[in-house]
Amino acid sequence: MLKRFIAIIALCVVPFLSARAGSTHQAFEREDALVLKAALHSQCESGKGFVLLSSMAAAPRTGDDLGDADESGAFDDLKRRNSSVTALPEGLSCKAVRLREEREIKGFFEQDSVSAEELPVDDAWKRLYESFPGAKGWMTLSLPGYSPDGAIALVYVARYCGSLCGGGSYVYLRRTDGGWKVLFSFPTWVS
C-alpha cells in the first residue's frame, strides 16, 4: 500500500517538477537573449555590411582574469556558465549580425580535406568573404555571467576580420527599468 501511495505521489510530483525546471531554463534563456541583444545593439545599428555570429557560446580566454577589477562577481559566473560547449539562444540576428552554425564559419579555416594541407590564413579569409559578400568578419559571444544580485551582466565578445585583424573585450551591462544597458566595454586583446 505504501509503495502505491509513493508511486502515485511520484507520478503527480515529477511532471510538476519537470515543468518547473523547464520554465526556469526558459526564463534564463530569455534573460540571456535580452542581455546578448543589448550587447549586440551597437553592432546591429551599424550601417555597413554585416558580421557572422557563431551559433556557439565562446568561453573567455583561459588566461583572462579580471581580478579586483570585477567587483560585481559576474566574471566568476561567466566562467562557470561557459565552462562547457553551449549554443547561443535563438533570435540574436539583426540586419548587421547574421547567426551561422559555428562549424560553417570555422570550416573556412580548417585544413583542406582534398589535399590535407593547412589552408593559408589569408586564403581562408578570402574564401569566407567570397562566400558571404558584404561580410565584415565574424564574431563570438559568451553566455552572460551575472552578479549575485542579478543587476550586472558580463559578456565576452571576440571579433575576427582578417589574419591580423580582430579583438576581444568584456562588455558590462546593467539591468534598468527599460532593459539591459551597456555600462562599458573592457578590451583585453587586439590583433
C-alpha atoms as a PDB file:
ATOM      1  CA  MET A   1       0.000   0.000   0.000  1.00  0.00           C
ATOM      2  CA  LEU A   2       2.795   2.378   0.919  1.00  0.00           C
ATOM      3  CA  LYS A   3       4.526   1.630  -2.396  1.00  0.00           C
ATOM      4  CA  ARG A   4       1.347   2.538  -4.325  1.00  0.00           C
ATOM      5  CA  PHE A   5       0.991   5.745  -2.369  1.00  0.00           C
ATOM      6  CA  ILE A   6       4.620   6.702  -3.141  1.00  0.00           C
ATOM      7  CA  ALA A   7       4.156   5.784  -6.809  1.00  0.00           C
ATOM      8  CA  ILE A   8       1.022   7.953  -7.064  1.00  0.00           C
ATOM      9  CA  ILE A   9       2.779  10.879  -5.386  1.00  0.00           C
ATOM     10  CA  ALA A  10       5.786  10.443  -7.707  1.00  0.00           C
ATOM     11  CA  LEU A  11       3.532  10.396 -10.782  1.00  0.00           C
ATOM     12  CA  CYS A  12       1.919  13.642  -9.662  1.00  0.00           C
ATOM     13  CA  VAL A  13       5.042  15.481  -8.480  1.00  0.00           C
ATOM     14  CA  VAL A  14       7.648  14.553 -11.137  1.00  0.00           C
ATOM     15  CA  PRO A  15       5.796  16.185 -14.082  1.00  0.00           C
ATOM     16  CA  PHE A  16       5.285  19.319 -11.959  1.00  0.00           C
ATOM     17  CA  LEU A  17       8.992  19.486 -11.074  1.00  0.00           C
ATOM     18  CA  SER A  18       9.998  18.842 -14.695  1.00  0.00           C
ATOM     19  CA  ALA A  19       7.734  21.610 -15.949  1.00  0.00           C
ATOM     20  CA  ARG A  20       9.093  23.944 -13.286  1.00  0.00           C
ATOM     21  CA  ALA A  21      12.714  23.132 -14.229  1.00  0.00           C
ATOM     22  CA  GLY A  22      11.869  23.707 -17.904  1.00  0.00           C
ATOM     23  CA  SER A  23      10.286  27.083 -17.173  1.00  0.00           C
ATOM     24  CA  THR A  24      13.352  28.123 -15.131  1.00  0.00           C
ATOM     25  CA  HIS A  25      15.594  27.158 -18.065  1.00  0.00           C
ATOM     26  CA  GLN A  26      13.372  29.122 -20.468  1.00  0.00           C
ATOM     27  CA  ALA A  27      13.484  32.163 -18.186  1.00  0.00           C
ATOM     28  CA  PHE A  28      17.296  32.007 -18.126  1.00  0.00           C
ATOM     29  CA  GLU A  29      17.392  31.638 -21.911  1.00  0.00           C
ATOM     30  CA  ARG A  30      15.056  34.650 -22.343  1.00  0.00           C
ATOM     31  CA  GLU A  31      17.163  36.766 -19.970  1.00  0.00           C
ATOM     32  CA  ASP A  32      20.359  35.681 -21.744  1.00  0.00           C
ATOM     33  CA  ALA A  33      18.857  36.684 -25.105  1.00  0.00           C
ATOM     34  CA  LEU A  34      17.921  40.133 -23.746  1.00  0.00           C
ATOM     35  CA  VAL A  35      21.453  40.681 -22.404  1.00  0.00           C
ATOM     36  CA  LEU A  36      23.105  39.473 -25.614  1.00  0.00           C
ATOM     37  CA  LYS A  37      20.834  41.655 -27.772  1.00  0.00           C
ATOM     38  CA  ALA A  38      21.812  44.676 -25.664  1.00  0.00           C
ATOM     39  CA  ALA A  39      25.494  43.752 -26.031  1.00  0.00           C
ATOM     40  CA  LEU A  40      24.999  43.483 -29.826  1.00  0.00           C
ATOM     41  CA  HIS A  41      22.997  46.732 -30.087  1.00  0.00           C
ATOM     42  CA  SER A  42      25.801  48.923 -31.454  1.00  0.00           C
ATOM     43  CA  GLN A  43      26.765  46.218 -33.958  1.00  0.00           C
ATOM     44  CA  CYS A  44      23.129  45.876 -35.042  1.00  0.00           C
ATOM     45  CA  GLU A  45      22.898  49.632 -35.602  1.00  0.00           C
ATOM     46  CA  SER A  46      25.980  49.563 -37.850  1.00  0.00           C
ATOM     47  CA  GLY A  47      25.064  50.752 -41.320  1.00  0.00           C
ATOM     48  CA  LYS A  48      27.623  48.993 -43.500  1.00  0.00           C
ATOM     49  CA  GLY A  49      27.856  45.276 -44.084  1.00  0.00           C
ATOM     50  CA  PHE A  50      27.311  42.577 -41.503  1.00  0.00           C
ATOM     51  CA  VAL A  51      29.234  40.166 -39.296  1.00  0.00           C
ATOM     52  CA  LEU A  52      28.649  36.457 -38.946  1.00  0.00           C
ATOM     53  CA  LEU A  53      27.859  35.380 -35.395  1.00  0.00           C
ATOM     54  CA  SER A  54      28.911  31.896 -34.347  1.00  0.00           C
ATOM     55  CA  SER A  55      25.991  29.820 -33.070  1.00  0.00           C
ATOM     56  CA  MET A  56      28.016  28.505 -30.134  1.00  0.00           C
ATOM     57  CA  ALA A  57      28.850  30.418 -26.969  1.00  0.00           C
ATOM     58  CA  ALA A  58      32.510  31.372 -26.599  1.00  0.00           C
ATOM     59  CA  ALA A  59      34.370  30.704 -23.387  1.00  0.00           C
ATOM     60  CA  PRO A  60      36.522  33.516 -22.052  1.00  0.00           C
ATOM     61  CA  ARG A  61      40.208  33.125 -22.806  1.00  0.00           C
ATOM     62  CA  THR A  62      41.988  30.822 -20.385  1.00  0.00           C
ATOM     63  CA  GLY A  63      44.469  33.412 -19.109  1.00  0.00           C
ATOM     64  CA  ASP A  64      41.917  36.171 -18.599  1.00  0.00           C
ATOM     65  CA  ASP A  65      41.438  37.216 -15.008  1.00  0.00           C
ATOM     66  CA  LEU A  66      39.718  40.481 -14.189  1.00  0.00           C
ATOM     67  CA  GLY A  67      40.764  40.143 -10.548  1.00  0.00           C
ATOM     68  CA  ASP A  68      39.776  43.074  -8.355  1.00  0.00           C
ATOM     69  CA  ALA A  69      38.546  44.987 -11.422  1.00  0.00           C
ATOM     70  CA  ASP A  70      35.361  42.902 -11.290  1.00  0.00           C
ATOM     71  CA  GLU A  71      33.660  43.907  -8.068  1.00  0.00           C
ATOM     72  CA  SER A  72      30.314  42.601  -9.327  1.00  0.00           C
ATOM     73  CA  GLY A  73      31.156  38.886  -9.204  1.00  0.00           C
ATOM     74  CA  ALA A  74      29.837  38.459 -12.753  1.00  0.00           C
ATOM     75  CA  PHE A  75      33.196  37.241 -14.121  1.00  0.00           C
ATOM     76  CA  ASP A  76      33.157  34.114 -11.949  1.00  0.00           C
ATOM     77  CA  ASP A  77      29.619  33.344 -13.115  1.00  0.00           C
ATOM     78  CA  LEU A  78      30.620  33.964 -16.751  1.00  0.00           C
ATOM     79  CA  LYS A  79      33.470  31.435 -16.451  1.00  0.00           C
ATOM     80  CA  ARG A  80      31.168  28.900 -14.763  1.00  0.00           C
ATOM     81  CA  ARG A  81      28.362  29.244 -17.319  1.00  0.00           C
ATOM     82  CA  ASN A  82      30.742  28.938 -20.279  1.00  0.00           C
ATOM     83  CA  SER A  83      32.800  26.014 -18.989  1.00  0.00           C
ATOM     84  CA  SER A  84      31.066  23.616 -21.385  1.00  0.00           C
ATOM     85  CA  VAL A  85      30.042  23.932 -25.035  1.00  0.00           C
ATOM     86  CA  THR A  86      26.642  25.611 -25.252  1.00  0.00           C
ATOM     87  CA  ALA A  87      24.543  27.005 -28.074  1.00  0.00           C
ATOM     88  CA  LEU A  88      23.591  30.674 -28.003  1.00  0.00           C
ATOM     89  CA  PRO A  89      19.883  31.455 -27.661  1.00  0.00           C
ATOM     90  CA  GLU A  90      17.995  31.963 -30.896  1.00  0.00           C
ATOM     91  CA  GLY A  91      16.783  35.332 -32.136  1.00  0.00           C
ATOM     92  CA  LEU A  92      20.062  37.258 -31.948  1.00  0.00           C
ATOM     93  CA  SER A  93      20.252  38.092 -35.649  1.00  0.00           C
ATOM     94  CA  CYS A  94      19.625  41.575 -36.990  1.00  0.00           C
ATOM     95  CA  LYS A  95      20.449  43.394 -40.237  1.00  0.00           C
ATOM     96  CA  ALA A  96      24.153  43.677 -39.334  1.00  0.00           C
ATOM     97  CA  VAL A  97      24.530  40.375 -37.426  1.00  0.00           C
ATOM     98  CA  ARG A  98      23.782  37.011 -39.016  1.00  0.00           C
ATOM     99  CA  LEU A  99      23.760  33.918 -36.839  1.00  0.00           C
ATOM    100  CA  ARG A 100      25.510  30.976 -38.528  1.00  0.00           C
ATOM    101  CA  GLU A 101      26.493  27.493 -37.440  1.00  0.00           C
ATOM    102  CA  GLU A 102      29.930  27.532 -35.838  1.00  0.00           C
ATOM    103  CA  ARG A 103      31.151  24.607 -37.946  1.00  0.00           C
ATOM    104  CA  GLU A 104      30.232  26.531 -41.119  1.00  0.00           C
ATOM    105  CA  ILE A 105      32.358  29.526 -40.088  1.00  0.00           C
ATOM    106  CA  LYS A 106      35.285  27.531 -38.728  1.00  0.00           C
ATOM    107  CA  GLY A 107      35.187  25.283 -41.794  1.00  0.00           C
ATOM    108  CA  PHE A 108      36.796  28.080 -43.801  1.00  0.00           C
ATOM    109  CA  PHE A 109      39.863  27.945 -41.541  1.00  0.00           C
ATOM    110  CA  GLU A 110      40.332  24.189 -41.212  1.00  0.00           C
ATOM    111  CA  GLN A 111      42.639  22.164 -43.403  1.00  0.00           C
ATOM    112  CA  ASP A 112      41.630  21.419 -46.973  1.00  0.00           C
ATOM    113  CA  SER A 113      40.022  17.974 -46.909  1.00  0.00           C
ATOM    114  CA  VAL A 114      41.119  17.236 -50.504  1.00  0.00           C
ATOM    115  CA  SER A 115      44.841  17.962 -50.158  1.00  0.00           C
ATOM    116  CA  ALA A 116      45.049  17.502 -46.338  1.00  0.00           C
ATOM    117  CA  GLU A 117      47.137  20.675 -46.249  1.00  0.00           C
ATOM    118  CA  GLU A 118      46.633  23.626 -43.965  1.00  0.00           C
ATOM    119  CA  LEU A 119      44.953  26.435 -45.883  1.00  0.00           C
ATOM    120  CA  PRO A 120      46.873  29.708 -45.675  1.00  0.00           C
ATOM    121  CA  VAL A 121      45.015  32.079 -43.362  1.00  0.00           C
ATOM    122  CA  ASP A 122      44.708  34.839 -45.964  1.00  0.00           C
ATOM    123  CA  ASP A 123      43.193  32.342 -48.439  1.00  0.00           C
ATOM    124  CA  ALA A 124      40.724  31.195 -45.785  1.00  0.00           C
ATOM    125  CA  TRP A 125      39.598  34.783 -45.189  1.00  0.00           C
ATOM    126  CA  LYS A 126      39.272  35.312 -48.942  1.00  0.00           C
ATOM    127  CA  ARG A 127      37.026  32.224 -49.200  1.00  0.00           C
ATOM    128  CA  LEU A 128      34.879  33.413 -46.287  1.00  0.00           C
ATOM    129  CA  TYR A 129      34.424  36.882 -47.796  1.00  0.00           C
ATOM    130  CA  GLU A 130      33.635  35.399 -51.241  1.00  0.00           C
ATOM    131  CA  SER A 131      31.020  33.111 -49.680  1.00  0.00           C
ATOM    132  CA  PHE A 132      29.429  35.978 -47.718  1.00  0.00           C
ATOM    133  CA  PRO A 133      29.608  39.139 -49.866  1.00  0.00           C
ATOM    134  CA  GLY A 134      29.287  42.206 -47.657  1.00  0.00           C
ATOM    135  CA  ALA A 135      30.548  40.406 -44.543  1.00  0.00           C
ATOM    136  CA  LYS A 136      32.934  42.359 -42.325  1.00  0.00           C
ATOM    137  CA  GLY A 137      34.168  39.312 -40.400  1.00  0.00           C
ATOM    138  CA  TRP A 138      32.785  37.027 -37.734  1.00  0.00           C
ATOM    139  CA  MET A 139      32.297  37.160 -34.002  1.00  0.00           C
ATOM    140  CA  THR A 140      31.625  35.035 -30.954  1.00  0.00           C
ATOM    141  CA  LEU A 141      29.801  35.818 -27.723  1.00  0.00           C
ATOM    142  CA  SER A 142      29.806  34.080 -24.379  1.00  0.00           C
ATOM    143  CA  LEU A 143      26.677  33.390 -22.411  1.00  0.00           C
ATOM    144  CA  PRO A 144      26.293  36.215 -19.886  1.00  0.00           C
ATOM    145  CA  GLY A 145      27.625  35.954 -16.378  1.00  0.00           C
ATOM    146  CA  TYR A 146      25.516  37.645 -13.706  1.00  0.00           C
ATOM    147  CA  SER A 147      26.312  39.325 -10.418  1.00  0.00           C
ATOM    148  CA  PRO A 148      24.780  37.547  -7.403  1.00  0.00           C
ATOM    149  CA  ASP A 149      22.001  40.149  -7.211  1.00  0.00           C
ATOM    150  CA  GLY A 150      21.304  39.916 -10.974  1.00  0.00           C
ATOM    151  CA  ALA A 151      21.798  43.654 -11.532  1.00  0.00           C
ATOM    152  CA  ILE A 152      25.029  43.353 -13.566  1.00  0.00           C
ATOM    153  CA  ALA A 153      25.751  41.120 -16.545  1.00  0.00           C
ATOM    154  CA  LEU A 154      29.061  40.464 -18.271  1.00  0.00           C
ATOM    155  CA  VAL A 155      29.569  39.162 -21.823  1.00  0.00           C
ATOM    156  CA  TYR A 156      32.814  38.196 -23.575  1.00  0.00           C
ATOM    157  CA  VAL A 157      32.890  39.351 -27.217  1.00  0.00           C
ATOM    158  CA  ALA A 158      35.541  38.398 -29.786  1.00  0.00           C
ATOM    159  CA  ARG A 159      35.615  39.826 -33.317  1.00  0.00           C
ATOM    160  CA  TYR A 160      37.712  38.476 -36.184  1.00  0.00           C
ATOM    161  CA  CYS A 161      38.149  40.233 -39.530  1.00  0.00           C
ATOM    162  CA  GLY A 162      41.456  39.019 -41.028  1.00  0.00           C
ATOM    163  CA  SER A 163      44.774  37.375 -40.271  1.00  0.00           C
ATOM    164  CA  LEU A 164      45.893  40.392 -38.229  1.00  0.00           C
ATOM    165  CA  CYS A 165      42.523  41.968 -37.603  1.00  0.00           C
ATOM    166  CA  GLY A 166      40.371  41.352 -34.562  1.00  0.00           C
ATOM    167  CA  GLY A 167      39.871  41.997 -30.887  1.00  0.00           C
ATOM    168  CA  GLY A 168      38.247  40.767 -27.738  1.00  0.00           C
ATOM    169  CA  SER A 169      36.549  42.571 -24.883  1.00  0.00           C
ATOM    170  CA  TYR A 170      34.301  42.134 -21.889  1.00  0.00           C
ATOM    171  CA  VAL A 171      31.064  44.109 -22.016  1.00  0.00           C
ATOM    172  CA  TYR A 172      29.476  45.092 -18.700  1.00  0.00           C
ATOM    173  CA  LEU A 173      25.727  45.728 -18.697  1.00  0.00           C
ATOM    174  CA  ARG A 174      23.323  46.964 -16.010  1.00  0.00           C
ATOM    175  CA  ARG A 175      19.679  45.989 -15.608  1.00  0.00           C
ATOM    176  CA  THR A 176      17.418  49.062 -15.745  1.00  0.00           C
ATOM    177  CA  ASP A 177      13.662  49.564 -15.821  1.00  0.00           C
ATOM    178  CA  GLY A 178      13.990  49.851 -19.605  1.00  0.00           C
ATOM    179  CA  GLY A 179      16.025  46.669 -20.034  1.00  0.00           C
ATOM    180  CA  TRP A 180      19.751  45.974 -20.159  1.00  0.00           C
ATOM    181  CA  LYS A 181      22.117  48.868 -20.924  1.00  0.00           C
ATOM    182  CA  VAL A 182      25.827  48.706 -21.722  1.00  0.00           C
ATOM    183  CA  LEU A 183      27.915  50.329 -18.985  1.00  0.00           C
ATOM    184  CA  PHE A 184      31.309  49.938 -20.639  1.00  0.00           C
ATOM    185  CA  SER A 185      33.493  47.637 -22.680  1.00  0.00           C
ATOM    186  CA  PHE A 186      36.830  46.424 -21.287  1.00  0.00           C
ATOM    187  CA  PRO A 187      39.227  45.463 -24.168  1.00  0.00           C
ATOM    188  CA  THR A 188      41.524  42.503 -23.468  1.00  0.00           C
ATOM    189  CA  TRP A 189      43.269  41.796 -26.767  1.00  0.00           C
ATOM    190  CA  VAL A 190      43.720  43.230 -30.239  1.00  0.00           C
ATOM    191  CA  SER A 191      45.336  41.926 -33.412  1.00  0.00           C
END
